[in-house]
Amino acid sequence: MQANLARVFGEHDASRRMKAIAELYADDGILYEPDAAATGHAAISQAVKTLLSGLPPNFVFTRSARPSATTVSGGCAGNPVHLMVPRP
């Protein structure tokens, strides 16, 4: 899960993010979001790109102190954000 945070959700460079997605997700992997799902590497990368574009440039996803199997959190300037990510 930490590799997913750092290499997928923490990566702003599309080519490096796609390489990480190819290593971490199955070809037909699904990223579930609250109101949508992205299937396949390109769709997952696009969903992450869309998510990152709406966050401050210095935003960093971090593992919460007491993570569940699928919940991670992050934030900047004291504004926490929680995100559901796929199980590895």
PDB file of N, CA and C in Angstrom:
ATOM      1  N   MET A   1       0.819  -1.179   0.000  1.00  0.00           N
ATOM      2  CA  MET A   1       0.000   0.000   0.000  1.00  0.00           C
ATOM      3  C   MET A   1       0.870   1.253   0.000  1.00  0.00           C
ATOM      4  N   GLN A   2       2.006   1.220   0.691  1.00  0.00           N
ATOM      5  CA  GLN A   2       2.859   2.406   0.724  1.00  0.00           C
ATOM      6  C   GLN A   2       3.439   2.717  -0.646  1.00  0.00           C
ATOM      7  N   ALA A   3       3.761   1.688  -1.423  1.00  0.00           N
ATOM      8  CA  ALA A   3       4.249   1.918  -2.787  1.00  0.00           C
ATOM      9  C   ALA A   3       3.154   2.569  -3.624  1.00  0.00           C
ATOM     10  N   ASN A   4       1.912   2.162  -3.431  1.00  0.00           N
ATOM     11  CA  ASN A   4       0.788   2.764  -4.146  1.00  0.00           C
ATOM     12  C   ASN A   4       0.673   4.245  -3.796  1.00  0.00           C
ATOM     13  N   LEU A   5       0.829   4.573  -2.527  1.00  0.00           N
ATOM     14  CA  LEU A   5       0.761   5.973  -2.113  1.00  0.00           C
ATOM     15  C   LEU A   5       1.873   6.798  -2.751  1.00  0.00           C
ATOM     16  N   ALA A   6       3.089   6.318  -2.604  1.00  0.00           N
ATOM     17  CA  ALA A   6       4.245   7.084  -3.067  1.00  0.00           C
ATOM     18  C   ALA A   6       4.366   7.109  -4.582  1.00  0.00           C
ATOM     19  N   ARG A   7       4.231   5.956  -5.224  1.00  0.00           N
ATOM     20  CA  ARG A   7       4.551   5.842  -6.643  1.00  0.00           C
ATOM     21  C   ARG A   7       3.371   6.105  -7.566  1.00  0.00           C
ATOM     22  N   VAL A   8       2.159   6.006  -7.059  1.00  0.00           N
ATOM     23  CA  VAL A   8       0.976   6.269  -7.898  1.00  0.00           C
ATOM     24  C   VAL A   8       0.340   7.595  -7.475  1.00  0.00           C
ATOM     25  N   PHE A   9      -0.154   7.649  -6.247  1.00  0.00           N
ATOM     26  CA  PHE A   9      -0.856   8.850  -5.806  1.00  0.00           C
ATOM     27  C   PHE A   9       0.090  10.011  -5.513  1.00  0.00           C
ATOM     28  N   GLY A  10       1.356   9.732  -5.286  1.00  0.00           N
ATOM     29  CA  GLY A  10       2.315  10.792  -5.029  1.00  0.00           C
ATOM     30  C   GLY A  10       3.097  11.220  -6.258  1.00  0.00           C
ATOM     31  N   GLU A  11       2.793  10.636  -7.399  1.00  0.00           N
ATOM     32  CA  GLU A  11       3.577  10.899  -8.615  1.00  0.00           C
ATOM     33  C   GLU A  11       2.826  11.823  -9.566  1.00  0.00           C
ATOM     34  N   HIS A  12       3.406  12.973  -9.840  1.00  0.00           N
ATOM     35  CA  HIS A  12       2.792  13.925 -10.770  1.00  0.00           C
ATOM     36  C   HIS A  12       3.247  13.700 -12.214  1.00  0.00           C
ATOM     37  N   ASP A  13       4.340  13.010 -12.412  1.00  0.00           N
ATOM     38  CA  ASP A  13       4.826  12.723 -13.767  1.00  0.00           C
ATOM     39  C   ASP A  13       4.053  11.526 -14.325  1.00  0.00           C
ATOM     40  N   ALA A  14       3.342  11.749 -15.427  1.00  0.00           N
ATOM     41  CA  ALA A  14       2.452  10.719 -15.983  1.00  0.00           C
ATOM     42  C   ALA A  14       3.191   9.450 -16.390  1.00  0.00           C
ATOM     43  N   SER A  15       4.372   9.561 -16.976  1.00  0.00           N
ATOM     44  CA  SER A  15       5.081   8.357 -17.426  1.00  0.00           C
ATOM     45  C   SER A  15       5.584   7.534 -16.242  1.00  0.00           C
ATOM     46  N   ARG A  16       6.078   8.189 -15.210  1.00  0.00           N
ATOM     47  CA  ARG A  16       6.522   7.450 -14.013  1.00  0.00           C
ATOM     48  C   ARG A  16       5.328   6.831 -13.292  1.00  0.00           C
ATOM     49  N   ARG A  17       4.194   7.557 -13.265  1.00  0.00           N
ATOM     50  CA  ARG A  17       2.990   7.018 -12.632  1.00  0.00           C
ATOM     51  C   ARG A  17       2.495   5.792 -13.389  1.00  0.00           C
ATOM     52  N   MET A  18       2.479   5.843 -14.720  1.00  0.00           N
ATOM     53  CA  MET A  18       2.036   4.684 -15.515  1.00  0.00           C
ATOM     54  C   MET A  18       2.949   3.484 -15.292  1.00  0.00           C
ATOM     55  N   LYS A  19       4.250   3.713 -15.193  1.00  0.00           N
ATOM     56  CA  LYS A  19       5.181   2.609 -14.929  1.00  0.00           C
ATOM     57  C   LYS A  19       4.862   1.972 -13.581  1.00  0.00           C
ATOM     58  N   ALA A  20       4.621   2.781 -12.574  1.00  0.00           N
ATOM     59  CA  ALA A  20       4.283   2.256 -11.248  1.00  0.00           C
ATOM     60  C   ALA A  20       2.956   1.505 -11.271  1.00  0.00           C
ATOM     61  N   ILE A  21       1.971   2.056 -11.963  1.00  0.00           N
ATOM     62  CA  ILE A  21       0.667   1.392 -12.054  1.00  0.00           C
ATOM     63  C   ILE A  21       0.825   0.032 -12.720  1.00  0.00           C
ATOM     64  N   ALA A  22       1.623  -0.036 -13.775  1.00  0.00           N
ATOM     65  CA  ALA A  22       1.843  -1.314 -14.468  1.00  0.00           C
ATOM     66  C   ALA A  22       2.501  -2.343 -13.549  1.00  0.00           C
ATOM     67  N   GLU A  23       3.334  -1.883 -12.636  1.00  0.00           N
ATOM     68  CA  GLU A  23       4.001  -2.798 -11.706  1.00  0.00           C
ATOM     69  C   GLU A  23       3.115  -3.189 -10.529  1.00  0.00           C
ATOM     70  N   LEU A  24       2.204  -2.318 -10.135  1.00  0.00           N
ATOM     71  CA  LEU A  24       1.422  -2.538  -8.916  1.00  0.00           C
ATOM     72  C   LEU A  24       0.000  -3.058  -9.149  1.00  0.00           C
ATOM     73  N   TYR A  25      -0.563  -2.796 -10.330  1.00  0.00           N
ATOM     74  CA  TYR A  25      -1.953  -3.166 -10.612  1.00  0.00           C
ATOM     75  C   TYR A  25      -2.008  -4.216 -11.727  1.00  0.00           C
ATOM     76  N   ALA A  26      -2.978  -5.092 -11.653  1.00  0.00           N
ATOM     77  CA  ALA A  26      -3.250  -6.008 -12.761  1.00  0.00           C
ATOM     78  C   ALA A  26      -3.735  -5.188 -13.953  1.00  0.00           C
ATOM     79  N   ASP A  27      -3.628  -5.760 -15.153  1.00  0.00           N
ATOM     80  CA  ASP A  27      -4.071  -5.048 -16.364  1.00  0.00           C
ATOM     81  C   ASP A  27      -5.511  -4.570 -16.265  1.00  0.00           C
ATOM     82  N   ASP A  28      -6.345  -5.359 -15.608  1.00  0.00           N
ATOM     83  CA  ASP A  28      -7.758  -4.995 -15.466  1.00  0.00           C
ATOM     84  C   ASP A  28      -8.073  -4.521 -14.043  1.00  0.00           C
ATOM     85  N   GLY A  29      -7.051  -3.999 -13.357  1.00  0.00           N
ATOM     86  CA  GLY A  29      -7.232  -3.498 -12.000  1.00  0.00           C
ATOM     87  C   GLY A  29      -8.274  -2.395 -11.962  1.00  0.00           C
ATOM     88  N   ILE A  30      -8.931  -2.275 -10.830  1.00  0.00           N
ATOM     89  CA  ILE A  30      -9.990  -1.285 -10.671  1.00  0.00           C
ATOM     90  C   ILE A  30      -9.673  -0.391  -9.481  1.00  0.00           C
ATOM     91  N   LEU A  31      -9.746   0.908  -9.693  1.00  0.00           N
ATOM     92  CA  LEU A  31      -9.621   1.896  -8.630  1.00  0.00           C
ATOM     93  C   LEU A  31     -11.026   2.369  -8.308  1.00  0.00           C
ATOM     94  N   TYR A  32     -11.468   2.108  -7.094  1.00  0.00           N
ATOM     95  CA  TYR A  32     -12.801   2.522  -6.688  1.00  0.00           C
ATOM     96  C   TYR A  32     -12.731   3.867  -5.992  1.00  0.00           C
ATOM     97  N   GLU A  33     -13.572   4.776  -6.425  1.00  0.00           N
ATOM     98  CA  GLU A  33     -13.717   6.087  -5.807  1.00  0.00           C
ATOM     99  C   GLU A  33     -15.143   6.180  -5.278  1.00  0.00           C
ATOM    100  N   PRO A  34     -15.420   7.173  -4.450  1.00  0.00           N
ATOM    101  CA  PRO A  34     -16.778   7.250  -3.886  1.00  0.00           C
ATOM    102  C   PRO A  34     -17.889   7.275  -4.929  1.00  0.00           C
ATOM    103  N   ASP A  35     -17.672   7.964  -6.051  1.00  0.00           N
ATOM    104  CA  ASP A  35     -18.741   8.100  -7.048  1.00  0.00           C
ATOM    105  C   ASP A  35     -18.396   7.504  -8.399  1.00  0.00           C
ATOM    106  N   ALA A  36     -17.297   6.769  -8.487  1.00  0.00           N
ATOM    107  CA  ALA A  36     -16.866   6.250  -9.781  1.00  0.00           C
ATOM    108  C   ALA A  36     -15.897   5.094  -9.583  1.00  0.00           C
ATOM    109  N   ALA A  37     -15.565   4.454 -10.689  1.00  0.00           N
ATOM    110  CA  ALA A  37     -14.546   3.404 -10.692  1.00  0.00           C
ATOM    111  C   ALA A  37     -13.742   3.557 -11.979  1.00  0.00           C
ATOM    112  N   ALA A  38     -12.454   3.311 -11.894  1.00  0.00           N
ATOM    113  CA  ALA A  38     -11.570   3.386 -13.058  1.00  0.00           C
ATOM    114  C   ALA A  38     -10.981   2.008 -13.287  1.00  0.00           C
ATOM    115  N   THR A  39     -11.138   1.482 -14.494  1.00  0.00           N
ATOM    116  CA  THR A  39     -10.669   0.142 -14.812  1.00  0.00           C
ATOM    117  C   THR A  39      -9.534   0.215 -15.823  1.00  0.00           C
ATOM    118  N   GLY A  40      -8.427  -0.446 -15.511  1.00  0.00           N
ATOM    119  CA  GLY A  40      -7.276  -0.479 -16.405  1.00  0.00           C
ATOM    120  C   GLY A  40      -6.269   0.609 -16.079  1.00  0.00           C
ATOM    121  N   HIS A  41      -5.054   0.392 -16.536  1.00  0.00           N
ATOM    122  CA  HIS A  41      -3.948   1.280 -16.197  1.00  0.00           C
ATOM    123  C   HIS A  41      -4.183   2.730 -16.614  1.00  0.00           C
ATOM    124  N   ALA A  42      -4.602   2.960 -17.850  1.00  0.00           N
ATOM    125  CA  ALA A  42      -4.790   4.330 -18.331  1.00  0.00           C
ATOM    126  C   ALA A  42      -5.887   5.045 -17.543  1.00  0.00           C
ATOM    127  N   ALA A  43      -6.970   4.355 -17.262  1.00  0.00           N
ATOM    128  CA  ALA A  43      -8.078   4.964 -16.527  1.00  0.00           C
ATOM    129  C   ALA A  43      -7.686   5.261 -15.084  1.00  0.00           C
ATOM    130  N   ILE A  44      -6.915   4.377 -14.478  1.00  0.00           N
ATOM    131  CA  ILE A  44      -6.437   4.618 -13.110  1.00  0.00           C
ATOM    132  C   ILE A  44      -5.523   5.833 -13.092  1.00  0.00           C
ATOM    133  N   SER A  45      -4.606   5.910 -14.049  1.00  0.00           N
ATOM    134  CA  SER A  45      -3.703   7.057 -14.113  1.00  0.00           C
ATOM    135  C   SER A  45      -4.485   8.354 -14.304  1.00  0.00           C
ATOM    136  N   GLN A  46      -5.488   8.332 -15.156  1.00  0.00           N
ATOM    137  CA  GLN A  46      -6.303   9.531 -15.387  1.00  0.00           C
ATOM    138  C   GLN A  46      -7.055   9.927 -14.122  1.00  0.00           C
ATOM    139  N   ALA A  47      -7.584   8.945 -13.395  1.00  0.00           N
ATOM    140  CA  ALA A  47      -8.298   9.243 -12.152  1.00  0.00           C
ATOM    141  C   ALA A  47      -7.357   9.887 -11.133  1.00  0.00           C
ATOM    142  N   VAL A  48      -6.136   9.378 -11.039  1.00  0.00           N
ATOM    143  CA  VAL A  48      -5.157   9.949 -10.117  1.00  0.00           C
ATOM    144  C   VAL A  48      -4.768  11.348 -10.571  1.00  0.00           C
ATOM    145  N   LYS A  49      -4.570  11.537 -11.868  1.00  0.00           N
ATOM    146  CA  LYS A  49      -4.242  12.862 -12.409  1.00  0.00           C
ATOM    147  C   LYS A  49      -5.343  13.862 -12.057  1.00  0.00           C
ATOM    148  N   THR A  50      -6.585  13.461 -12.235  1.00  0.00           N
ATOM    149  CA  THR A  50      -7.712  14.333 -11.917  1.00  0.00           C
ATOM    150  C   THR A  50      -7.729  14.675 -10.434  1.00  0.00           C
ATOM    151  N   LEU A  51      -7.504  13.664  -9.601  1.00  0.00           N
ATOM    152  CA  LEU A  51      -7.457  13.888  -8.159  1.00  0.00           C
ATOM    153  C   LEU A  51      -6.344  14.872  -7.798  1.00  0.00           C
ATOM    154  N   LEU A  52      -5.137  14.620  -8.321  1.00  0.00           N
ATOM    155  CA  LEU A  52      -3.987  15.465  -7.993  1.00  0.00           C
ATOM    156  C   LEU A  52      -4.177  16.898  -8.481  1.00  0.00           C
ATOM    157  N   SER A  53      -4.855  17.065  -9.607  1.00  0.00           N
ATOM    158  CA  SER A  53      -5.046  18.413 -10.148  1.00  0.00           C
ATOM    159  C   SER A  53      -5.921  19.279  -9.242  1.00  0.00           C
ATOM    160  N   GLY A  54      -6.714  18.657  -8.401  1.00  0.00           N
ATOM    161  CA  GLY A  54      -7.575  19.399  -7.487  1.00  0.00           C
ATOM    162  C   GLY A  54      -6.978  19.614  -6.111  1.00  0.00           C
ATOM    163  N   LEU A  55      -5.733  19.191  -5.927  1.00  0.00           N
ATOM    164  CA  LEU A  55      -5.072  19.330  -4.630  1.00  0.00           C
ATOM    165  C   LEU A  55      -3.964  20.369  -4.711  1.00  0.00           C
ATOM    166  N   PRO A  56      -3.605  20.966  -3.586  1.00  0.00           N
ATOM    167  CA  PRO A  56      -2.491  21.917  -3.593  1.00  0.00           C
ATOM    168  C   PRO A  56      -1.205  21.238  -4.062  1.00  0.00           C
ATOM    169  N   PRO A  57      -0.297  21.987  -4.702  1.00  0.00           N
ATOM    170  CA  PRO A  57       0.930  21.387  -5.237  1.00  0.00           C
ATOM    171  C   PRO A  57       1.809  20.721  -4.180  1.00  0.00           C
ATOM    172  N   ASN A  58       1.733  21.165  -2.931  1.00  0.00           N
ATOM    173  CA  ASN A  58       2.574  20.579  -1.883  1.00  0.00           C
ATOM    174  C   ASN A  58       1.867  19.487  -1.096  1.00  0.00           C
ATOM    175  N   PHE A  59       0.696  19.049  -1.563  1.00  0.00           N
ATOM    176  CA  PHE A  59      -0.053  17.982  -0.897  1.00  0.00           C
ATOM    177  C   PHE A  59       0.715  16.671  -0.984  1.00  0.00           C
ATOM    178  N   VAL A  60       0.764  15.945   0.134  1.00  0.00           N
ATOM    179  CA  VAL A  60       1.443  14.647   0.171  1.00  0.00           C
ATOM    180  C   VAL A  60       0.524  13.647   0.856  1.00  0.00           C
ATOM    181  N   PHE A  61       0.298  12.513   0.229  1.00  0.00           N
ATOM    182  CA  PHE A  61      -0.450  11.437   0.865  1.00  0.00           C
ATOM    183  C   PHE A  61       0.461  10.740   1.856  1.00  0.00           C
ATOM    184  N   THR A  62      -0.064  10.465   3.029  1.00  0.00           N
ATOM    185  CA  THR A  62       0.689   9.742   4.046  1.00  0.00           C
ATOM    186  C   THR A  62      -0.189   8.673   4.654  1.00  0.00           C
ATOM    187  N   ARG A  63       0.440   7.679   5.196  1.00  0.00           N
ATOM    188  CA  ARG A  63      -0.290   6.615   5.881  1.00  0.00           C
ATOM    189  C   ARG A  63      -0.808   7.172   7.193  1.00  0.00           C
ATOM    190  N   SER A  64      -2.060   6.896   7.498  1.00  0.00           N
ATOM    191  CA  SER A  64      -2.613   7.367   8.764  1.00  0.00           C
ATOM    192  C   SER A  64      -2.006   6.567   9.910  1.00  0.00           C
ATOM    193  N   ALA A  65      -2.108   7.089  11.107  1.00  0.00           N
ATOM    194  CA  ALA A  65      -1.516   6.439  12.277  1.00  0.00           C
ATOM    195  C   ALA A  65      -2.106   5.060  12.520  1.00  0.00           C
ATOM    196  N   ARG A  66      -3.379   4.892  12.229  1.00  0.00           N
ATOM    197  CA  ARG A  66      -4.046   3.612  12.439  1.00  0.00           C
ATOM    198  C   ARG A  66      -4.777   3.218  11.166  1.00  0.00           C
ATOM    199  N   PRO A  67      -4.041   2.810  10.115  1.00  0.00           N
ATOM    200  CA  PRO A  67      -4.708   2.510   8.843  1.00  0.00           C
ATOM    201  C   PRO A  67      -5.530   1.229   8.890  1.00  0.00           C
ATOM    202  N   SER A  68      -6.624   1.249   8.150  1.00  0.00           N
ATOM    203  CA  SER A  68      -7.366   0.014   7.925  1.00  0.00           C
ATOM    204  C   SER A  68      -6.796  -0.613   6.662  1.00  0.00           C
ATOM    205  N   ALA A  69      -7.389  -1.659   6.190  1.00  0.00           N
ATOM    206  CA  ALA A  69      -6.878  -2.341   5.002  1.00  0.00           C
ATOM    207  C   ALA A  69      -6.947  -1.475   3.761  1.00  0.00           C
ATOM    208  N   THR A  70      -7.881  -0.528   3.722  1.00  0.00           N
ATOM    209  CA  THR A  70      -8.050   0.226   2.490  1.00  0.00           C
ATOM    210  C   THR A  70      -8.072   1.745   2.655  1.00  0.00           C
ATOM    211  N   THR A  71      -7.833   2.257   3.843  1.00  0.00           N
ATOM    212  CA  THR A  71      -7.936   3.697   4.033  1.00  0.00           C
ATOM    213  C   THR A  71      -6.565   4.311   4.259  1.00  0.00           C
ATOM    214  N   VAL A  72      -6.289   5.370   3.543  1.00  0.00           N
ATOM    215  CA  VAL A  72      -5.077   6.151   3.750  1.00  0.00           C
ATOM    216  C   VAL A  72      -5.495   7.606   3.873  1.00  0.00           C
ATOM    217  N   SER A  73      -4.619   8.412   4.404  1.00  0.00           N
ATOM    218  CA  SER A  73      -4.954   9.821   4.530  1.00  0.00           C
ATOM    219  C   SER A  73      -3.751  10.669   4.203  1.00  0.00           C
ATOM    220  N   GLY A  74      -4.005  11.905   3.946  1.00  0.00           N
ATOM    221  CA  GLY A  74      -2.931  12.838   3.642  1.00  0.00           C
ATOM    222  C   GLY A  74      -3.435  14.236   3.849  1.00  0.00           C
ATOM    223  N   GLY A  75      -2.600  15.189   3.555  1.00  0.00           N
ATOM    224  CA  GLY A  75      -3.027  16.558   3.683  1.00  0.00           C
ATOM    225  C   GLY A  75      -1.846  17.490   3.696  1.00  0.00           C
ATOM    226  N   CYS A  76      -2.144  18.754   3.769  1.00  0.00           N
ATOM    227  CA  CYS A  76      -1.108  19.759   3.893  1.00  0.00           C
ATOM    228  C   CYS A  76      -1.677  20.903   4.709  1.00  0.00           C
ATOM    229  N   ALA A  77      -0.821  21.628   5.341  1.00  0.00           N
ATOM    230  CA  ALA A  77      -1.210  22.796   6.132  1.00  0.00           C
ATOM    231  C   ALA A  77      -2.325  22.475   7.127  1.00  0.00           C
ATOM    232  N   GLY A  78      -2.256  21.278   7.730  1.00  0.00           N
ATOM    233  CA  GLY A  78      -3.222  20.907   8.749  1.00  0.00           C
ATOM    234  C   GLY A  78      -4.604  20.563   8.248  1.00  0.00           C
ATOM    235  N   ASN A  79      -4.764  20.342   6.957  1.00  0.00           N
ATOM    236  CA  ASN A  79      -6.063  19.988   6.390  1.00  0.00           C
ATOM    237  C   ASN A  79      -6.055  18.535   5.955  1.00  0.00           C
ATOM    238  N   PRO A  80      -6.483  17.616   6.821  1.00  0.00           N
ATOM    239  CA  PRO A  80      -6.437  16.197   6.461  1.00  0.00           C
ATOM    240  C   PRO A  80      -7.442  15.834   5.377  1.00  0.00           C
ATOM    241  N   VAL A  81      -7.075  14.866   4.555  1.00  0.00           N
ATOM    242  CA  VAL A  81      -7.940  14.335   3.518  1.00  0.00           C
ATOM    243  C   VAL A  81      -7.833  12.821   3.610  1.00  0.00           C
ATOM    244  N   HIS A  82      -8.929  12.125   3.501  1.00  0.00           N
ATOM    245  CA  HIS A  82      -8.932  10.664   3.553  1.00  0.00           C
ATOM    246  C   HIS A  82      -9.344  10.126   2.191  1.00  0.00           C
ATOM    247  N   LEU A  83      -8.714   9.063   1.764  1.00  0.00           N
ATOM    248  CA  LEU A  83      -8.942   8.506   0.438  1.00  0.00           C
ATOM    249  C   LEU A  83      -9.001   6.996   0.540  1.00  0.00           C
ATOM    250  N   MET A  84      -9.955   6.399  -0.122  1.00  0.00           N
ATOM    251  CA  MET A  84     -10.028   4.939  -0.188  1.00  0.00           C
ATOM    252  C   MET A  84      -9.232   4.491  -1.398  1.00  0.00           C
ATOM    253  N   VAL A  85      -8.361   3.520  -1.225  1.00  0.00           N
ATOM    254  CA  VAL A  85      -7.569   2.994  -2.320  1.00  0.00           C
ATOM    255  C   VAL A  85      -7.746   1.485  -2.379  1.00  0.00           C
ATOM    256  N   PRO A  86      -7.440   0.890  -3.525  1.00  0.00           N
ATOM    257  CA  PRO A  86      -7.622  -0.557  -3.648  1.00  0.00           C
ATOM    258  C   PRO A  86      -6.651  -1.315  -2.757  1.00  0.00           C
ATOM    259  N   ARG A  87      -7.088  -2.469  -2.327  1.00  0.00           N
ATOM    260  CA  ARG A  87      -6.188  -3.352  -1.576  1.00  0.00           C
ATOM    261  C   ARG A  87      -5.125  -3.869  -2.533  1.00  0.00           C
ATOM    262  N   PRO A  88      -3.880  -3.973  -2.058  1.00  0.00           N
ATOM    263  CA  PRO A  88      -2.808  -4.476  -2.954  1.00  0.00           C
ATOM    264  C   PRO A  88      -3.007  -5.928  -3.297  1.00  0.00           C
TER     265      PRO A  88
END
